[in-house]
């Protein structure tokens, strides 16, 4: 009886929560509503099946929120949603993320979308496997962008894919391994530009010495 009552209460407040999340005037209310919705989805995701479409519609715009805390909580909520959502809802979410990654509107939102892909992979496991053929080339592309934070998120996504979808990742292991070997010696705290300038100066000095000789 207690669990039935809880489920009924959750069903009744879901619409109010999604409405509160959609109103961006008060961030504190948004964050509280996202926390509650995430908790509900993690515990009673299947019970809220009829609300999954409206929940997805509510959460997707939050991935471009100017507040990073809102984006982070939206990713967590989406991670809980994919545990029990239908194949159609999962495909809709994945196609949205792919479209936004291709648009690459800004580095900040691209980081968020890659974090979201990785988060979904960790929660949904093999469900994302059938989409990897489209996802991997984009993640490989962004891992070569000169942005350390973005590159870190790309490797976190690769790690999740390998752990959760080893079979589907098998054709891509060589390219991921190549990226790992390329960046394993990269030190983000080292100024590589200065090294190049010093080499150019040495070449110039050597040339001058030869001319003087």
Protein backbone atom coordinates (compact mmCIF):
# COMPACT_ATOMS: atom_id res chain seq x y z
CA UNK A 1 0.00 0.00 0.00
CA UNK A 2 2.85 2.38 0.82
CA UNK A 3 4.58 1.87 -2.52
CA UNK A 4 1.29 2.33 -4.39
CA UNK A 5 0.65 5.59 -2.60
CA UNK A 6 4.19 6.80 -3.36
CA UNK A 7 3.74 5.99 -7.03
CA UNK A 8 0.43 7.86 -7.16
CA UNK A 9 1.94 10.91 -5.48
CA UNK A 10 4.88 10.88 -7.92
CA UNK A 11 2.53 10.72 -10.89
CA UNK A 12 0.58 13.70 -9.57
CA UNK A 13 3.62 15.93 -9.00
CA UNK A 14 5.57 15.05 -12.19
CA UNK A 15 3.77 17.68 -14.27
CA UNK A 16 4.46 20.35 -11.63
CA UNK A 17 8.14 19.36 -11.54
CA UNK A 18 8.59 19.50 -15.30
CA UNK A 19 6.84 22.88 -15.30
CA UNK A 20 9.16 24.21 -12.60
CA UNK A 21 12.22 22.94 -14.48
CA UNK A 22 11.08 24.68 -17.66
CA UNK A 23 10.86 28.08 -15.95
CA UNK A 24 14.38 29.48 -15.88
CA UNK A 25 13.57 32.61 -13.85
CA UNK A 26 14.45 30.95 -10.54
CA UNK A 27 17.51 28.70 -10.75
CA UNK A 28 17.21 27.47 -7.17
CA UNK A 29 13.71 26.13 -7.90
CA UNK A 30 15.00 24.51 -11.09
CA UNK A 31 17.80 22.75 -9.23
CA UNK A 32 15.47 21.46 -6.50
CA UNK A 33 12.96 20.21 -9.09
CA UNK A 34 15.72 18.46 -11.07
CA UNK A 35 16.98 16.74 -7.92
CA UNK A 36 13.51 15.50 -7.02
CA UNK A 37 12.80 14.34 -10.57
CA UNK A 38 16.12 12.47 -10.72
CA UNK A 39 15.34 10.74 -7.44
CA UNK A 40 11.89 9.75 -8.70
CA UNK A 41 13.27 8.40 -11.97
CA UNK A 42 15.96 6.38 -10.19
CA UNK A 43 13.39 4.77 -7.86
CA UNK A 44 10.18 4.69 -9.89
CA UNK A 45 11.24 5.21 -13.49
CA UNK A 46 9.04 2.44 -14.81
CA UNK A 47 6.01 3.75 -12.92
CA UNK A 48 6.41 7.14 -14.63
CA UNK A 49 6.47 5.52 -18.08
CA UNK A 50 3.59 7.63 -19.42
CA UNK A 51 5.51 10.81 -18.51
CA UNK A 52 8.80 9.85 -20.15
CA UNK A 53 8.15 11.83 -23.34
CA UNK A 54 7.24 15.03 -21.47
CA UNK A 55 10.19 14.54 -19.12
CA UNK A 56 12.57 14.25 -22.08
CA UNK A 57 11.05 17.35 -23.69
CA UNK A 58 11.56 19.20 -20.43
CA UNK A 59 15.15 18.08 -19.84
CA UNK A 60 16.72 18.58 -23.28
CA UNK A 61 16.60 22.42 -23.25
CA UNK A 62 18.34 22.40 -19.86
CA UNK A 63 21.51 21.09 -21.53
CA UNK A 64 22.06 24.58 -22.92
CA UNK A 65 21.28 26.39 -19.66
CA UNK A 66 23.66 29.25 -18.84
CA UNK A 67 24.06 27.62 -15.41
CA UNK A 68 26.44 24.66 -15.40
CA UNK A 69 24.77 23.27 -12.26
CA UNK A 70 21.48 22.99 -14.17
CA UNK A 71 23.22 21.22 -17.06
CA UNK A 72 24.88 18.77 -14.68
CA UNK A 73 21.61 17.87 -12.97
CA UNK A 74 19.85 17.53 -16.32
CA UNK A 75 22.50 15.00 -17.39
CA UNK A 76 21.99 13.05 -14.16
CA UNK A 77 18.21 13.02 -14.69
CA UNK A 78 18.61 11.84 -18.30
CA UNK A 79 20.89 9.07 -17.07
CA UNK A 80 18.13 7.82 -14.79
CA UNK A 81 15.52 8.21 -17.53
CA UNK A 82 17.31 5.90 -19.98
CA UNK A 83 17.24 3.06 -17.47
CA UNK A 84 13.52 2.50 -18.07
CA UNK A 85 12.51 4.52 -21.14
CA UNK A 86 11.27 2.97 -24.38
CA UNK A 87 13.41 2.35 -27.44
CA UNK A 88 11.74 5.28 -29.20
CA UNK A 89 12.49 7.71 -26.35
CA UNK A 90 16.10 6.51 -26.20
CA UNK A 91 16.50 6.96 -29.97
CA UNK A 92 14.97 10.44 -29.79
CA UNK A 93 17.46 11.42 -27.10
CA UNK A 94 20.42 9.98 -28.98
CA UNK A 95 19.45 11.63 -32.27
CA UNK A 96 19.11 14.97 -30.50
CA UNK A 97 22.60 14.66 -28.99
CA UNK A 98 24.08 13.67 -32.36
CA UNK A 99 22.43 16.62 -34.11
CA UNK A 100 23.73 19.07 -31.50
CA UNK A 101 27.24 17.62 -31.62
CA UNK A 102 27.26 18.07 -35.38
CA UNK A 103 26.09 21.67 -35.01
CA UNK A 104 28.88 22.46 -32.54
CA UNK A 105 27.25 25.75 -31.60
CA UNK A 106 29.80 26.47 -28.87
CA UNK A 107 32.64 24.68 -27.10
CA UNK A 108 30.81 24.94 -23.79
CA UNK A 109 27.65 23.19 -25.01
CA UNK A 110 29.71 20.63 -26.94
CA UNK A 111 31.44 19.68 -23.68
CA UNK A 112 28.00 19.25 -22.08
CA UNK A 113 26.69 17.05 -24.89
CA UNK A 114 29.76 14.80 -24.75
CA UNK A 115 29.38 14.52 -20.97
CA UNK A 116 25.73 13.59 -21.55
CA UNK A 117 26.63 10.90 -24.08
CA UNK A 118 29.14 9.42 -21.63
CA UNK A 119 26.63 9.57 -18.78
CA UNK A 120 23.95 7.83 -20.84
CA UNK A 121 26.46 5.17 -21.87
CA UNK A 122 27.35 4.46 -18.23
CA UNK A 123 23.68 4.05 -17.30
CA UNK A 124 22.16 2.52 -20.44
CA UNK A 125 25.00 0.13 -21.18
CA UNK A 126 24.51 -1.86 -24.37
CA UNK A 127 21.54 0.28 -25.51
CA UNK A 128 23.89 2.91 -26.91
CA UNK A 129 25.89 0.30 -28.82
CA UNK A 130 23.78 0.51 -31.99
CA UNK A 131 24.40 4.27 -32.17
CA UNK A 132 28.19 4.12 -31.78
CA UNK A 133 28.88 4.11 -35.54
CA UNK A 134 27.53 7.66 -35.65
CA UNK A 135 28.83 8.78 -32.28
CA UNK A 136 32.47 7.63 -32.41
CA UNK A 137 33.58 9.76 -35.41
CA UNK A 138 32.28 12.89 -33.67
CA UNK A 139 34.04 12.08 -30.40
CA UNK A 140 37.27 11.34 -32.30
CA UNK A 141 36.93 14.68 -34.08
CA UNK A 142 36.49 16.60 -30.83
CA UNK A 143 39.31 14.78 -29.09
CA UNK A 144 41.68 16.48 -31.55
CA UNK A 145 40.40 19.98 -30.73
CA UNK A 146 42.88 22.10 -28.77
CA UNK A 147 40.81 22.18 -25.59
CA UNK A 148 42.05 20.13 -22.62
CA UNK A 149 38.69 19.98 -20.84
CA UNK A 150 36.85 18.92 -23.99
CA UNK A 151 39.50 16.30 -24.71
CA UNK A 152 39.19 14.91 -21.17
CA UNK A 153 35.43 14.44 -21.63
CA UNK A 154 36.06 12.67 -24.94
CA UNK A 155 38.34 10.14 -23.26
CA UNK A 156 35.83 9.65 -20.46
CA UNK A 157 33.26 8.83 -23.16
CA UNK A 158 35.65 6.37 -24.82
CA UNK A 159 36.23 4.68 -21.47
CA UNK A 160 32.50 4.31 -20.93
CA UNK A 161 31.96 2.88 -24.43
CA UNK A 162 34.72 0.31 -23.96
CA UNK A 163 33.36 -0.76 -20.58
CA UNK A 164 29.71 -0.90 -21.53
CA UNK A 165 29.76 -1.81 -25.24
CA UNK A 166 32.96 -3.84 -25.80
CA UNK A 167 31.57 -5.75 -28.78
CA UNK A 168 30.38 -2.66 -30.64
CA UNK A 169 33.62 -0.83 -29.79
CA UNK A 170 35.87 -3.54 -31.22
CA UNK A 171 36.14 -1.95 -34.73
CA UNK A 172 37.07 1.40 -33.15
CA UNK A 173 39.66 0.23 -30.64
CA UNK A 174 42.63 0.92 -32.93
CA UNK A 175 41.67 4.56 -33.49
CA UNK A 176 41.00 5.10 -29.79
CA UNK A 177 44.31 3.42 -28.94
CA UNK A 178 46.07 5.74 -31.36
CA UNK A 179 44.58 8.77 -29.62
CA UNK A 180 45.57 7.38 -26.23
CA UNK A 181 49.17 6.91 -27.35
CA UNK A 182 49.20 10.37 -28.90
CA UNK A 183 48.08 12.15 -25.74
CA UNK A 184 49.52 9.91 -23.03
CA UNK A 185 52.69 12.02 -22.96
CA UNK A 186 50.85 15.33 -23.25
CA UNK A 187 51.41 17.62 -20.28
CA UNK A 188 48.73 20.36 -20.08
CA UNK A 189 50.96 22.39 -17.75
CA UNK A 190 53.88 22.51 -20.20
CA UNK A 191 54.14 25.43 -22.59
CA UNK A 192 54.76 23.75 -25.94
CA UNK A 193 54.62 27.09 -27.76
CA UNK A 194 57.78 28.28 -25.98
CA UNK A 195 59.57 25.09 -27.03
CA UNK A 196 58.73 25.77 -30.69
CA UNK A 197 59.87 29.40 -30.36
CA UNK A 198 63.18 28.28 -28.81
CA UNK A 199 63.77 25.82 -31.65
CA UNK A 200 63.10 28.57 -34.21
CA UNK A 201 65.53 30.90 -32.41
CA UNK A 202 68.21 28.21 -32.33
CA UNK A 203 67.79 27.58 -36.05
CA UNK A 204 68.05 31.31 -36.75
CA UNK A 205 71.16 31.69 -34.58
CA UNK A 206 72.80 28.68 -36.21
CA UNK A 207 72.09 30.16 -39.63
CA UNK A 208 73.63 33.48 -38.61
CA UNK A 209 76.73 31.73 -37.24
CA UNK A 210 77.23 29.87 -40.51
CA UNK A 211 76.91 33.10 -42.50
CA UNK A 212 79.44 34.87 -40.26
CA UNK A 213 81.85 31.94 -40.58
